[in-house]
Amino acid sequence: MIKLCDNYVVKVTPYSYNLMLDTGKDSVKIDKKTGEEKVERIYEAISYHGSLSQAVRAAMHDMQKQKLMGAACSLEDAIRLMGEIHDKFEKVLKEAIGAKEEINDD
């Protein structure tokens, strides 16, 4: 599981990169054989991608959309907010990779 910004995570599987949102909730399950409790974090699936960079880009776009939904703001304010979120994701990538990394909107 790769942690991105805020509650966004990417779960890597053999076939895809699953963008998910940490709900902040846990699920408690009882192992039928041992009777032991097992606590698992609950994640909400957002989308599925062929590469990690696509999943990171999708997380950025989803965060931008979530912040703008229902907002009453000017176009300039919306663009500023989107830029701030873009910069936030680039900073996370820079810290993780150790070099300036850009998110290109293809």
Protein backbone atom coordinates (compact mmCIF):
# COMPACT_ATOMS: atom_id res chain seq x y z
CA MET A 1 0.00 0.00 0.00
CA ILE A 2 1.45 3.35 -1.04
CA LYS A 3 0.32 6.39 0.94
CA LEU A 4 -0.17 9.57 -1.04
CA CYS A 5 -1.65 12.88 0.16
CA ASP A 6 -4.35 13.13 2.79
CA ASN A 7 -6.32 9.85 2.84
CA TYR A 8 -5.39 8.70 -0.68
CA VAL A 9 -3.55 5.40 -1.06
CA VAL A 10 -2.58 3.15 -3.95
CA LYS A 11 -2.87 -0.61 -3.57
CA VAL A 12 -0.59 -2.40 -6.00
CA THR A 13 -1.88 -5.68 -7.41
CA PRO A 14 -0.42 -7.98 -10.08
CA TYR A 15 -2.74 -6.41 -12.65
CA SER A 16 -3.28 -2.78 -11.67
CA TYR A 17 -2.73 0.15 -9.36
CA ASN A 18 -5.91 0.68 -7.35
CA LEU A 19 -6.53 4.22 -6.15
CA MET A 20 -8.34 4.06 -2.83
CA LEU A 21 -9.47 6.36 -0.06
CA ASP A 22 -8.80 5.50 3.58
CA THR A 23 -12.20 5.80 5.28
CA GLY A 24 -10.67 6.08 8.74
CA LYS A 25 -12.74 3.08 9.84
CA ASP A 26 -11.70 -0.42 10.81
CA SER A 27 -13.46 -3.74 10.37
CA VAL A 28 -13.13 -6.43 13.03
CA LYS A 29 -13.35 -10.00 11.81
CA ILE A 30 -13.16 -13.21 13.82
CA ASP A 31 -10.97 -16.01 12.49
CA LYS A 32 -13.24 -19.09 12.47
CA LYS A 33 -10.38 -21.49 13.13
CA THR A 34 -8.55 -19.64 15.90
CA GLY A 35 -11.29 -17.38 17.25
CA GLU A 36 -8.87 -14.44 17.16
CA GLU A 37 -9.97 -10.96 16.20
CA LYS A 38 -8.42 -9.48 13.11
CA VAL A 39 -8.68 -5.73 12.53
CA GLU A 40 -8.58 -4.53 8.93
CA ARG A 41 -8.67 -0.97 7.64
CA ILE A 42 -11.58 -0.13 5.34
CA TYR A 43 -10.71 1.50 2.01
CA GLU A 44 -13.08 2.88 -0.61
CA ALA A 45 -12.09 2.07 -4.19
CA ILE A 46 -11.96 5.11 -6.45
CA SER A 47 -10.39 3.89 -9.70
CA TYR A 48 -8.04 1.37 -11.30
CA HIS A 49 -4.95 2.23 -13.36
CA GLY A 50 -2.23 0.65 -15.46
CA SER A 51 0.61 2.64 -13.89
CA LEU A 52 1.50 4.33 -10.64
CA SER A 53 1.82 7.72 -12.33
CA GLN A 54 -1.75 7.41 -13.66
CA ALA A 55 -3.00 6.55 -10.17
CA VAL A 56 -1.22 9.55 -8.64
CA ARG A 57 -2.61 11.84 -11.34
CA ALA A 58 -6.11 10.44 -10.71
CA ALA A 59 -5.74 11.06 -6.96
CA MET A 60 -4.78 14.66 -7.65
CA HIS A 61 -7.76 15.14 -9.98
CA ASP A 62 -10.13 13.52 -7.49
CA MET A 63 -8.91 15.77 -4.68
CA GLN A 64 -9.34 18.83 -6.90
CA LYS A 65 -12.86 17.74 -7.80
CA GLN A 66 -13.79 17.03 -4.16
CA LYS A 67 -12.54 20.46 -3.05
CA LEU A 68 -14.46 22.26 -5.81
CA MET A 69 -17.75 20.32 -5.52
CA GLY A 70 -20.38 22.58 -4.07
CA ALA A 71 -17.95 25.49 -3.80
CA ALA A 72 -19.13 28.91 -4.85
CA CYS A 73 -15.97 30.63 -6.02
CA SER A 74 -14.56 32.59 -8.91
CA LEU A 75 -12.72 30.93 -11.75
CA GLU A 76 -9.50 32.50 -10.47
CA ASP A 77 -10.04 30.99 -7.00
CA ALA A 78 -10.80 27.59 -8.52
CA ILE A 79 -7.62 27.70 -10.61
CA ARG A 80 -5.59 28.79 -7.56
CA LEU A 81 -7.00 25.91 -5.49
CA MET A 82 -6.29 23.41 -8.26
CA GLY A 83 -2.71 24.73 -8.48
CA GLU A 84 -2.23 24.36 -4.73
CA ILE A 85 -3.35 20.73 -4.88
CA HIS A 86 -1.11 20.10 -7.89
CA ASP A 87 1.86 21.54 -5.98
CA LYS A 88 1.00 19.39 -2.95
CA PHE A 89 1.18 16.20 -5.02
CA GLU A 90 4.42 17.29 -6.70
CA LYS A 91 5.93 17.92 -3.25
CA VAL A 92 4.97 14.40 -2.12
CA LEU A 93 6.58 12.94 -5.23
CA LYS A 94 9.71 15.04 -4.75
CA GLU A 95 10.07 13.87 -1.15
CA ALA A 96 9.50 10.25 -2.14
CA ILE A 97 11.78 10.23 -5.16
CA GLY A 98 14.33 12.80 -4.02
CA ALA A 99 14.22 14.87 -7.18
CA LYS A 100 11.85 17.28 -8.83
CA GLU A 101 9.03 15.23 -10.29
CA GLU A 102 6.23 16.70 -12.33
CA ILE A 103 2.68 15.56 -12.80
CA ASN A 104 1.84 16.04 -16.45
CA ASP A 105 -1.79 16.13 -17.45
CA ASP A 106 -1.77 14.12 -20.65
